[in-house]
């Protein structure tokens, strides 16, 4: 298998021209998207898999405890995965720090000594009761050879009061 170090659009064939480390060009035809408004079938580039926990189903959080909000099961392939979480502190809760991440392990998250590089951390906020505080995960690229779950996990440290969270995870199949 050659490693590709340059990708260019060939102006004559309008295909993509890959230059490998060996310097030998290889051509593929241009990948076309859908133009009829129909959903992309499973297994094709552009396939979308989502999971959503809506605001009305927000889940209770315990301070300093990692919580899995939802997950998606990805079939083999290359995937671009994104996630969003919204926190709703109540009862005077003051948030010292929080984390939103996409993990390959259920309930993996931020601890006081470890913040994974695929975690978005927020800190030190208060919010009026029932005001959503959003946090977006970093985009994670996942290449799997067997069906694999990706988890939308969160953790938050707060005192006093309570905090709930809801969110979504979206995976798009890549070439």
Protein backbone atom coordinates (compact mmCIF):
# COMPACT_ATOMS: atom_id res chain seq x y z
CA UNK A 1 0.00 0.00 0.00
CA UNK A 2 1.38 3.39 -0.99
CA UNK A 3 1.04 6.50 1.12
CA UNK A 4 -0.51 9.41 -0.80
CA UNK A 5 1.35 12.67 -0.35
CA UNK A 6 -0.47 14.92 -2.87
CA UNK A 7 -3.98 15.03 -4.27
CA UNK A 8 -4.76 17.26 -7.27
CA UNK A 9 -7.69 17.65 -9.65
CA UNK A 10 -6.59 16.78 -13.19
CA UNK A 11 -7.84 19.67 -15.41
CA UNK A 12 -8.26 17.43 -18.46
CA UNK A 13 -10.01 14.35 -17.06
CA UNK A 14 -11.58 16.21 -14.09
CA UNK A 15 -10.65 13.21 -11.99
CA UNK A 16 -8.53 13.21 -8.89
CA UNK A 17 -4.85 12.55 -9.46
CA UNK A 18 -3.02 10.91 -6.57
CA UNK A 19 0.75 11.10 -6.33
CA UNK A 20 2.12 8.27 -4.26
CA UNK A 21 5.44 8.22 -2.44
CA UNK A 22 6.84 6.24 -5.37
CA UNK A 23 5.95 9.11 -7.68
CA UNK A 24 3.63 7.01 -9.84
CA UNK A 25 0.35 8.84 -10.52
CA UNK A 26 -2.92 6.99 -10.17
CA UNK A 27 -6.30 8.27 -11.37
CA UNK A 28 -9.81 7.81 -10.11
CA UNK A 29 -12.99 9.29 -11.48
CA UNK A 30 -14.70 12.15 -9.72
CA UNK A 31 -17.07 11.10 -6.94
CA UNK A 32 -20.47 12.65 -7.55
CA UNK A 33 -22.98 13.54 -4.87
CA UNK A 34 -26.74 13.08 -4.91
CA UNK A 35 -28.78 15.83 -6.55
CA UNK A 36 -32.30 14.41 -6.24
CA UNK A 37 -32.78 15.02 -2.50
CA UNK A 38 -32.83 11.31 -1.66
CA UNK A 39 -31.04 9.82 1.34
CA UNK A 40 -27.67 8.18 0.79
CA UNK A 41 -27.99 4.39 1.08
CA UNK A 42 -26.10 2.50 3.76
CA UNK A 43 -22.55 1.68 2.74
CA UNK A 44 -22.12 4.62 0.36
CA UNK A 45 -19.98 7.71 0.86
CA UNK A 46 -22.09 10.34 2.60
CA UNK A 47 -24.14 7.86 4.66
CA UNK A 48 -25.25 9.56 7.90
CA UNK A 49 -25.89 7.89 11.25
CA UNK A 50 -27.24 9.99 14.13
CA UNK A 51 -28.42 9.64 17.70
CA UNK A 52 -30.21 12.40 19.57
CA UNK A 53 -31.21 13.00 23.18
CA UNK A 54 -33.56 15.99 22.97
CA UNK A 55 -34.02 18.66 25.63
CA UNK A 56 -37.22 17.10 26.95
CA UNK A 57 -35.24 13.90 27.67
CA UNK A 58 -32.19 15.59 29.21
CA UNK A 59 -30.31 13.26 31.56
CA UNK A 60 -29.35 14.02 35.15
CA UNK A 61 -25.65 14.39 35.84
CA UNK A 62 -23.73 13.74 39.02
CA UNK A 63 -20.85 16.06 39.76
CA UNK A 64 -17.46 14.66 38.70
CA UNK A 65 -18.98 11.47 37.24
CA UNK A 66 -18.64 10.61 33.54
CA UNK A 67 -21.98 10.04 31.82
CA UNK A 68 -22.75 8.51 28.42
CA UNK A 69 -25.58 10.49 26.82
CA UNK A 70 -25.97 8.40 23.66
CA UNK A 71 -23.99 6.44 21.07
CA UNK A 72 -23.96 5.33 17.45
CA UNK A 73 -22.93 1.95 16.07
CA UNK A 74 -20.69 2.44 13.06
CA UNK A 75 -20.33 -0.30 10.45
CA UNK A 76 -16.83 -0.86 9.02
CA UNK A 77 -15.40 2.13 7.17
CA UNK A 78 -14.01 5.63 7.55
CA UNK A 79 -16.18 8.05 9.51
CA UNK A 80 -16.20 11.71 10.50
CA UNK A 81 -17.95 11.99 13.86
CA UNK A 82 -19.18 15.17 15.57
CA UNK A 83 -21.17 15.81 18.70
CA UNK A 84 -22.87 18.55 20.67
CA UNK A 85 -23.92 18.66 24.30
CA UNK A 86 -25.96 21.28 26.13
CA UNK A 87 -25.84 21.59 29.90
CA UNK A 88 -28.72 23.00 31.93
CA UNK A 89 -27.55 23.90 35.44
CA UNK A 90 -30.27 24.64 38.00
CA UNK A 91 -30.67 25.45 41.65
CA UNK A 92 -27.76 27.86 41.67
CA UNK A 93 -25.28 25.36 40.26
CA UNK A 94 -21.85 26.82 39.57
CA UNK A 95 -19.90 24.76 37.05
CA UNK A 96 -16.17 24.49 37.76
CA UNK A 97 -15.40 22.52 34.57
CA UNK A 98 -17.11 20.33 32.02
CA UNK A 99 -16.14 18.08 29.15
CA UNK A 100 -17.82 16.93 25.93
CA UNK A 101 -16.15 14.11 24.06
CA UNK A 102 -16.54 11.34 21.52
CA UNK A 103 -15.08 8.14 22.92
CA UNK A 104 -14.62 4.57 21.77
CA UNK A 105 -15.10 3.44 25.37
CA UNK A 106 -18.38 3.87 27.23
CA UNK A 107 -18.12 6.35 30.10
CA UNK A 108 -14.59 7.45 29.19
CA UNK A 109 -14.11 11.09 30.05
CA UNK A 110 -12.23 13.86 31.71
CA UNK A 111 -10.83 13.36 35.17
CA UNK A 112 -8.95 15.75 37.40
CA UNK A 113 -5.67 14.36 36.05
CA UNK A 114 -6.54 13.51 32.44
CA UNK A 115 -8.23 15.43 29.65
CA UNK A 116 -8.23 13.40 26.42
CA UNK A 117 -7.12 15.33 23.33
CA UNK A 118 -10.53 14.68 21.74
CA UNK A 119 -12.35 16.45 24.60
CA UNK A 120 -13.66 20.00 24.55
CA UNK A 121 -13.41 21.43 28.02
CA UNK A 122 -15.34 24.40 29.34
CA UNK A 123 -14.95 25.98 32.74
CA UNK A 124 -16.35 28.31 35.34
CA UNK A 125 -19.83 29.27 34.30
CA UNK A 126 -23.13 29.86 35.96
CA UNK A 127 -26.42 30.03 34.15
CA UNK A 128 -29.90 31.23 34.85
CA UNK A 129 -32.25 28.33 35.57
CA UNK A 130 -33.32 26.54 32.37
CA UNK A 131 -30.70 28.29 30.24
CA UNK A 132 -28.78 25.93 27.95
CA UNK A 133 -24.99 26.10 27.89
CA UNK A 134 -23.75 24.38 24.69
CA UNK A 135 -20.43 22.65 24.14
CA UNK A 136 -19.31 21.08 20.86
CA UNK A 137 -16.94 18.12 20.72
CA UNK A 138 -13.87 18.17 18.52
CA UNK A 139 -14.42 16.33 15.24
CA UNK A 140 -13.13 12.79 15.47
CA UNK A 141 -12.13 10.66 12.48
CA UNK A 142 -12.71 6.96 13.08
CA UNK A 143 -11.57 4.12 10.81
CA UNK A 144 -13.00 0.75 11.87
CA UNK A 145 -12.82 -2.73 10.37
CA UNK A 146 -15.65 -4.16 12.51
CA UNK A 147 -18.86 -2.58 13.80
CA UNK A 148 -17.82 -0.18 16.57
CA UNK A 149 -19.73 2.09 18.94
CA UNK A 150 -18.80 5.73 19.39
CA UNK A 151 -20.09 7.28 22.60
CA UNK A 152 -21.09 10.87 23.33
CA UNK A 153 -19.76 11.22 26.87
CA UNK A 154 -19.71 14.12 29.27
CA UNK A 155 -18.58 15.04 32.73
CA UNK A 156 -19.15 18.16 34.75
CA UNK A 157 -18.09 19.38 38.18
CA UNK A 158 -20.63 21.62 39.88
CA UNK A 159 -21.82 22.79 43.32
CA UNK A 160 -24.46 23.32 44.64
CA UNK A 161 -27.67 22.57 42.75
CA UNK A 162 -28.25 20.19 39.86
CA UNK A 163 -27.30 19.84 36.23
CA UNK A 164 -28.83 17.93 33.31
CA UNK A 165 -27.53 17.49 29.75
CA UNK A 166 -28.78 16.55 26.32
CA UNK A 167 -27.09 16.29 22.95
CA UNK A 168 -26.51 14.59 19.65
CA UNK A 169 -23.88 12.63 17.79
CA UNK A 170 -23.55 12.47 14.01
CA UNK A 171 -21.31 10.25 11.87
CA UNK A 172 -20.78 10.71 8.12
CA UNK A 173 -19.13 7.98 5.99
CA UNK A 174 -16.00 9.15 4.21
CA UNK A 175 -14.17 7.63 1.24
